Protein backbone atom coordinates (compact mmCIF):
# COMPACT_ATOMS: atom_id res chain seq x y z
CA MET A 1 -2.59 11.58 -23.04
CA ASP A 2 -6.02 9.95 -22.82
CA GLN A 3 -4.84 7.38 -20.25
CA TYR A 4 -1.66 5.80 -18.93
CA GLU A 5 -1.09 2.08 -19.36
CA GLY A 6 1.56 -0.06 -17.72
CA SER A 7 2.47 -3.48 -16.43
CA GLY A 8 4.20 -4.82 -13.34
CA ARG A 9 4.70 -7.94 -11.26
CA PHE A 10 4.39 -9.19 -7.71
CA LEU A 11 5.20 -12.42 -5.86
CA PRO A 12 2.39 -13.95 -3.79
CA SER A 13 3.64 -15.16 -0.43
CA PHE A 14 2.25 -17.45 2.27
CA GLY A 15 -0.09 -14.81 3.69
CA ASP A 16 -1.56 -13.74 0.35
CA ILE A 17 -3.20 -17.00 -0.71
CA ASP A 18 -5.41 -19.31 1.31
CA GLN A 19 -4.93 -23.05 1.85
CA ARG A 20 -6.75 -23.72 -1.42
CA ARG A 21 -4.31 -21.34 -3.19
CA HIS A 22 -6.85 -18.64 -4.02
CA LEU A 23 -5.92 -14.97 -3.78
CA LYS A 24 -7.47 -13.48 -0.64
CA MET A 25 -9.52 -10.28 -0.78
CA ARG A 26 -7.16 -8.77 1.82
CA ALA A 27 -4.21 -9.34 -0.54
CA PHE A 28 -5.40 -7.19 -3.45
CA VAL A 29 -4.35 -3.78 -2.11
CA PRO A 30 -0.86 -4.65 -0.78
CA LEU A 31 -0.02 -6.76 -3.85
CA VAL A 32 -1.60 -4.93 -6.77
CA MET A 33 -1.15 -1.28 -5.75
CA PRO A 34 2.68 -1.22 -5.40
CA PRO A 35 3.43 -2.18 -9.04
CA ILE A 36 0.90 0.42 -10.23
CA PHE A 37 2.33 3.24 -8.13
CA LEU A 38 5.89 2.23 -8.92
CA ASN A 39 5.08 2.72 -12.61
CA LEU A 40 3.35 6.03 -11.88
CA GLU A 41 6.38 7.22 -9.92
CA MET A 42 8.75 6.29 -12.73
CA ARG A 43 6.56 7.98 -15.36
CA PHE A 44 5.18 11.02 -13.49
CA ALA A 45 7.37 11.46 -10.37
CA LEU A 46 4.37 11.42 -8.04
CA SER A 47 6.64 11.77 -5.00
CA ARG A 48 6.98 15.46 -5.81
CA MET A 49 3.19 15.80 -5.64
CA LEU A 50 3.12 13.95 -2.32
CA ARG A 51 5.76 16.26 -0.87
CA ARG A 52 3.48 19.20 -1.68
CA GLY A 53 0.75 17.53 0.38
CA ILE A 54 -1.45 16.32 -2.49
CA VAL A 55 -2.38 12.69 -1.82
CA PRO A 56 -4.76 10.27 -3.60
CA ILE A 57 -7.03 8.66 -0.98
CA MET A 58 -9.06 5.53 -1.68
CA PHE A 59 -12.83 5.84 -1.54
CA ASN A 60 -14.16 3.14 -3.87
CA LEU A 61 -12.63 -0.30 -4.56
CA THR A 62 -13.77 -3.42 -6.36
CA PHE A 63 -11.92 -6.76 -6.32
CA GLU A 64 -12.76 -9.92 -8.24
CA ASN A 65 -10.83 -13.17 -8.02
CA SER A 66 -11.14 -16.33 -10.05
CA ASP A 67 -11.13 -20.00 -9.14
CA VAL A 68 -7.57 -20.32 -10.48
CA PRO A 69 -5.16 -21.59 -7.79
CA LEU A 70 -1.87 -19.70 -7.53
CA ASN A 71 1.66 -21.03 -7.20
CA LEU A 72 3.56 -19.72 -4.21
CA ASN A 73 6.41 -17.29 -5.00
CA GLU A 74 5.77 -17.46 -8.74
CA PRO A 75 5.52 -14.03 -10.45
CA VAL A 76 2.06 -12.64 -11.11
CA ARG A 77 1.59 -10.00 -13.82
CA VAL A 78 -0.50 -6.86 -13.32
CA ASP A 79 -1.63 -4.97 -16.45
CA HIS A 80 -3.18 -1.63 -15.57
CA ARG A 81 -4.56 1.58 -16.96
CA ILE A 82 -4.98 4.94 -15.22
CA LYS A 83 -7.27 7.88 -16.04
CA LEU A 84 -8.05 11.22 -14.42
CA ARG A 85 -11.70 12.10 -13.88
CA LYS A 86 -13.54 15.08 -12.45
CA SER A 87 -16.74 14.67 -10.47
CA VAL A 88 -19.09 17.65 -10.28
CA THR A 89 -21.87 17.35 -7.68
CA PRO A 90 -24.56 20.08 -7.58
CA LEU A 91 -25.28 21.47 -4.12
CA PRO A 92 -28.54 23.03 -2.87
CA GLU A 93 -26.69 26.26 -2.15
CA GLY A 94 -23.56 27.75 -3.64
CA ALA A 95 -21.13 26.38 -6.20
CA PRO A 96 -21.11 22.67 -7.09
CA LEU A 97 -18.65 20.34 -5.36
CA GLU A 98 -15.78 19.46 -7.68
CA ARG A 99 -13.45 16.52 -7.01
CA LEU A 100 -10.49 15.20 -9.00
CA LEU A 101 -10.34 11.41 -9.11
CA LEU A 102 -7.72 8.83 -10.02
CA ASP A 103 -9.55 6.07 -11.93
CA MET A 104 -7.62 2.78 -12.01
CA GLU A 105 -8.23 -0.68 -13.39
CA ALA A 106 -5.90 -3.68 -13.20
CA GLN A 107 -6.07 -7.17 -14.67
CA ILE A 108 -4.08 -9.88 -12.88
CA PHE A 109 -2.57 -12.88 -14.70
CA ALA A 110 -0.53 -15.81 -13.40
CA THR A 111 0.51 -19.36 -14.07
CA GLY A 112 -2.49 -21.29 -12.83
CA GLY A 113 -1.58 -23.88 -10.23
CA VAL A 114 -3.51 -26.89 -8.99
CA ASP A 115 -6.09 -27.02 -6.22
CA ASP A 116 -4.02 -29.53 -4.24
CA PRO A 117 -2.26 -28.56 -0.98
CA SER A 118 0.05 -31.57 -1.35
CA ALA A 119 1.48 -30.20 -4.60
CA GLY A 120 4.02 -28.05 -2.77
CA SER A 121 4.87 -24.53 -3.93
CA GLU A 122 5.08 -25.47 -7.60
CA GLY A 123 1.86 -26.83 -9.04
CA GLY A 124 2.56 -26.64 -12.78
CA GLY A 125 -0.59 -25.42 -14.50
CA ARG A 126 -1.19 -23.06 -17.40
CA PRO A 127 0.47 -19.69 -18.13
CA GLY A 128 -1.44 -16.46 -18.44
CA ALA A 129 -4.48 -17.57 -16.45
CA PRO A 130 -6.75 -14.70 -15.31
CA VAL A 131 -6.43 -14.52 -11.54
CA GLY A 132 -8.42 -11.40 -10.75
CA ARG A 133 -9.31 -7.81 -11.36
CA LEU A 134 -9.06 -4.61 -9.34
CA SER A 135 -10.76 -1.33 -10.09
CA GLY A 136 -11.19 1.76 -8.00
CA TYR A 137 -11.28 5.48 -7.53
CA GLN A 138 -9.11 7.67 -5.36
CA ILE A 139 -9.86 11.29 -4.44
CA PHE A 140 -7.00 13.76 -4.61
CA SER A 141 -6.80 15.69 -1.35
CA ARG A 142 -4.55 18.22 0.36
CA ILE A 143 -4.44 16.33 3.62
CA GLY A 144 -2.64 19.05 5.57
CA ALA A 145 -4.84 21.93 4.45
CA PRO A 146 -7.60 23.47 6.61
CA PRO A 147 -11.14 22.14 6.14
CA GLY A 148 -12.71 23.60 3.04
CA GLN A 149 -9.37 23.84 1.25
CA ARG A 150 -8.59 20.15 0.84
CA HIS A 151 -10.37 19.46 -2.46
CA VAL A 152 -8.20 19.28 -5.58
CA THR A 153 -10.12 20.29 -8.70
CA GLY A 154 -7.42 20.46 -11.36
CA ALA A 155 -4.68 18.06 -12.40
CA PRO A 156 -1.46 18.50 -10.36
CA ASP A 157 1.56 19.59 -12.41
CA GLU A 158 3.00 16.08 -12.40
CA LEU A 159 -0.14 14.70 -14.09
CA ALA A 160 -0.92 17.68 -16.30
CA GLU A 161 -0.37 15.73 -19.52
CA LEU A 162 -3.20 13.34 -18.65
CA LYS A 163 -6.60 14.25 -20.03
CA VAL A 164 -9.28 14.89 -17.38
CA HIS A 165 -12.43 12.91 -18.24
CA PRO A 166 -15.86 13.60 -16.75
CA PHE A 167 -17.00 11.22 -14.03
CA ASP A 168 -20.08 9.50 -15.40
CA GLY A 169 -22.90 8.37 -13.20
CA PRO A 170 -23.76 9.15 -9.57
CA PHE A 171 -20.97 9.61 -7.06
CA PRO A 172 -20.55 6.32 -5.11
CA VAL A 173 -22.14 6.24 -1.65
CA PRO A 174 -22.69 3.33 0.79
CA GLU A 175 -26.36 3.07 -0.14
CA HIS A 176 -25.34 1.87 -3.61
CA LEU A 177 -24.15 -1.43 -2.11
CA VAL A 178 -27.35 -2.57 -0.41
CA GLN A 179 -29.34 -3.86 -3.39
CA ILE A 180 -30.45 -7.49 -2.96
CA PRO A 181 -30.95 -9.51 -6.17
CA PRO A 182 -34.04 -11.72 -6.47
CA GLY A 183 -33.80 -15.15 -4.87
CA PHE A 184 -31.61 -14.23 -1.89
CA ALA A 185 -32.92 -14.90 1.62
CA PRO A 186 -31.40 -14.04 5.03
CA ALA A 187 -29.31 -16.76 6.67
CA PRO A 188 -29.52 -17.42 10.42
CA GLU A 189 -27.52 -14.92 12.50
CA GLY A 190 -25.88 -17.34 14.89
CA PRO A 191 -23.77 -16.18 17.85
CA PHE A 192 -21.81 -13.44 16.01
CA PRO A 193 -24.24 -11.03 14.32
CA HIS A 194 -21.82 -8.16 14.85
CA LEU A 195 -18.47 -7.25 16.40
CA ASP A 196 -17.88 -4.18 18.56
CA THR A 197 -14.26 -3.09 18.79
CA VAL A 198 -11.96 -0.06 18.84
CA TRP A 199 -9.40 1.18 16.33
CA GLY A 200 -5.82 1.62 17.49
CA LEU A 201 -2.52 2.90 16.17
CA PRO A 202 -1.70 -0.40 14.37
CA ASN A 203 -4.86 0.09 12.28
CA THR A 204 -3.73 3.50 10.93
CA ASP A 205 -1.36 4.69 8.22
CA VAL A 206 0.60 7.86 7.39
CA ASN A 207 -2.56 9.55 6.09
CA GLN A 208 -3.55 9.84 9.78
CA HIS A 209 -6.61 7.58 9.70
CA VAL A 210 -7.52 3.88 9.60
CA ASN A 211 -5.94 2.16 6.60
CA VAL A 212 -8.20 0.89 3.81
CA GLN A 213 -6.80 -2.61 4.27
CA GLU A 214 -8.36 -2.89 7.73
CA TYR A 215 -11.88 -2.66 6.32
CA ILE A 216 -11.31 -5.44 3.81
CA LEU A 217 -9.66 -7.76 6.33
CA GLY A 218 -12.34 -7.06 8.95
CA MET A 219 -15.21 -7.82 6.60
CA GLU A 220 -13.55 -11.01 5.33
CA ASN A 221 -13.51 -12.15 8.95
CA HIS A 222 -17.14 -11.10 9.39
CA VAL A 223 -18.13 -13.30 6.44
CA VAL A 224 -16.54 -16.27 8.26
CA ARG A 225 -18.45 -15.47 11.47
CA ARG A 226 -21.74 -15.27 9.61
CA LEU A 227 -21.09 -18.50 7.68
CA HIS A 228 -20.45 -20.20 11.00
CA GLY A 229 -23.64 -18.79 12.46
CA ALA A 230 -25.64 -19.99 9.48
CA GLY A 231 -24.19 -23.51 9.68
CA LEU A 232 -22.62 -23.18 6.24
CA PRO A 233 -19.23 -24.62 5.20
CA GLN A 234 -16.36 -22.20 5.60
CA LEU A 235 -13.61 -24.15 3.84
CA GLY A 236 -15.87 -24.71 0.85
CA HIS A 237 -16.65 -21.01 0.46
CA ARG A 238 -14.81 -18.51 -1.74
CA ILE A 239 -15.37 -14.75 -1.67
CA ALA A 240 -15.40 -13.99 -5.38
CA ARG A 241 -16.17 -10.27 -5.48
CA THR A 242 -15.83 -7.35 -3.08
CA GLU A 243 -16.86 -3.73 -3.44
CA ALA A 244 -16.09 -1.12 -0.78
CA ILE A 245 -17.08 2.54 -0.42
CA PHE A 246 -15.42 4.71 2.21
CA ARG A 247 -17.64 7.65 3.14
CA LYS A 248 -15.96 8.97 6.28
CA PRO A 249 -12.59 7.91 7.70
CA PHE A 250 -12.14 6.37 11.12
CA PHE A 251 -9.33 7.44 13.46
CA ALA A 252 -7.36 5.75 16.21
CA GLY A 253 -9.32 5.61 19.46
CA GLU A 254 -12.75 5.48 17.81
CA ARG A 255 -15.15 2.65 18.62
CA VAL A 256 -16.80 0.78 15.78
CA ARG A 257 -19.39 -1.91 15.12
CA ILE A 258 -18.81 -4.30 12.22
CA GLN A 259 -22.14 -5.67 11.11
CA GLY A 260 -24.21 -6.82 8.18
CA PRO A 261 -26.52 -9.66 7.16
CA LEU A 262 -25.55 -12.75 5.23
CA LEU A 263 -27.96 -13.76 2.47
CA VAL A 264 -27.99 -17.00 0.49
CA ASN A 265 -29.37 -18.11 -2.86
CA GLY A 266 -28.45 -21.72 -3.57
CA SER A 267 -24.65 -21.85 -3.84
CA HIS A 268 -24.32 -18.04 -3.89
CA THR A 269 -23.79 -15.87 -0.81
CA LEU A 270 -24.07 -12.14 -0.31
CA LEU A 271 -22.93 -10.12 2.68
CA ILE A 272 -23.89 -6.45 2.89
CA GLY A 273 -21.61 -5.14 5.61
CA GLY A 274 -20.93 -1.81 7.24
CA TYR A 275 -18.61 -0.12 9.72
CA HIS A 276 -20.70 2.02 12.07
CA ARG A 277 -19.37 4.46 14.66
CA LEU A 278 -20.41 3.78 18.26
CA ASP A 279 -21.36 6.63 20.57
CA ALA A 280 -20.43 6.83 24.26
CA ASN A 281 -23.33 4.51 25.11
CA GLY A 282 -22.33 1.89 22.54
CA VAL A 283 -25.14 2.78 20.12
CA PRO A 284 -24.14 2.56 16.43
CA GLU A 285 -24.79 5.33 13.94
CA GLY A 286 -27.50 4.50 11.46
CA ARG A 287 -25.43 5.24 8.37
CA ALA A 288 -22.25 3.28 7.69
CA SER A 289 -19.01 5.24 7.56
CA ALA A 290 -17.59 2.48 5.35
CA ALA A 291 -19.62 -0.09 3.45
CA VAL A 292 -18.39 -3.42 2.06
CA ARG A 293 -20.33 -5.81 -0.15
CA MET A 294 -18.94 -9.34 -0.52
CA GLU A 295 -20.29 -11.94 -2.96
CA GLY A 296 -19.28 -15.55 -2.52
CA ILE A 297 -19.69 -19.07 -3.85
CA LEU A 298 -20.29 -22.30 -1.90
CA ASP A 299 -18.85 -25.27 -3.73
CA GLY A 300 -19.65 -27.86 -1.06
CA SER A 301 -16.23 -29.47 -1.26
CA ALA A 302 -15.42 -28.98 2.42
CA ALA A 303 -17.42 -28.59 5.59
């Protein structure tokens, strides 16, 4: 099988869409992933793979939303396709590093609502409107194995009928997210150029490290802080695209700095953010352990 294709649904709730009825960046993972993995479980019985300790772990995600307002508690359709890929990275010494990846892409469609908070939960609108897109890669790992034995290089038995495609292009790293297009200039920092904090148990998941959702939520909030510092409208700003690369997981008890500049080009914004470990003296590491790039649009409709 070259790839697996499926479709599912979810219901957006109060916490998934903002007051202008747009799908939040923080809502993509908890809404879009469950229908995909439910289909994978029904087709391939992935739970058997998980019980053997083989787990797909997120390391690269891209979200895009549209300016289509959603209707609360109205079904949203997710059409998706899944492929297996193998990445082969040459090393200076020894054998190359091989990694098996789950390559996923999802298109999200809904009945488009109206950009009017007074319309209630049912805004009418048009069926089949494109709401957003999710794409990403997960690395298969044996999370309970000793270091050096965690990489999975061949398809697990449950996915053996899926063709393994080569991974084209360079392996994603945080440095890939720092490019600045022409025309963008730094915005004023304001009072919140960064946030120093600590991860706790509520930030973790069963994979024993900080959940991917925390990085998206935290950087959404950082965009708001930087907009405020730059004197730009927050209610008239929509984050339209997010890409995240997770290089090294954080664990409960670790201190972290959330930072990154906001750049502006007319009505377009760009935040190049990173999560940096803090040492005992509160000094951040130079290289981000997780990097998040958020591209936004200022429409000027609210201050």
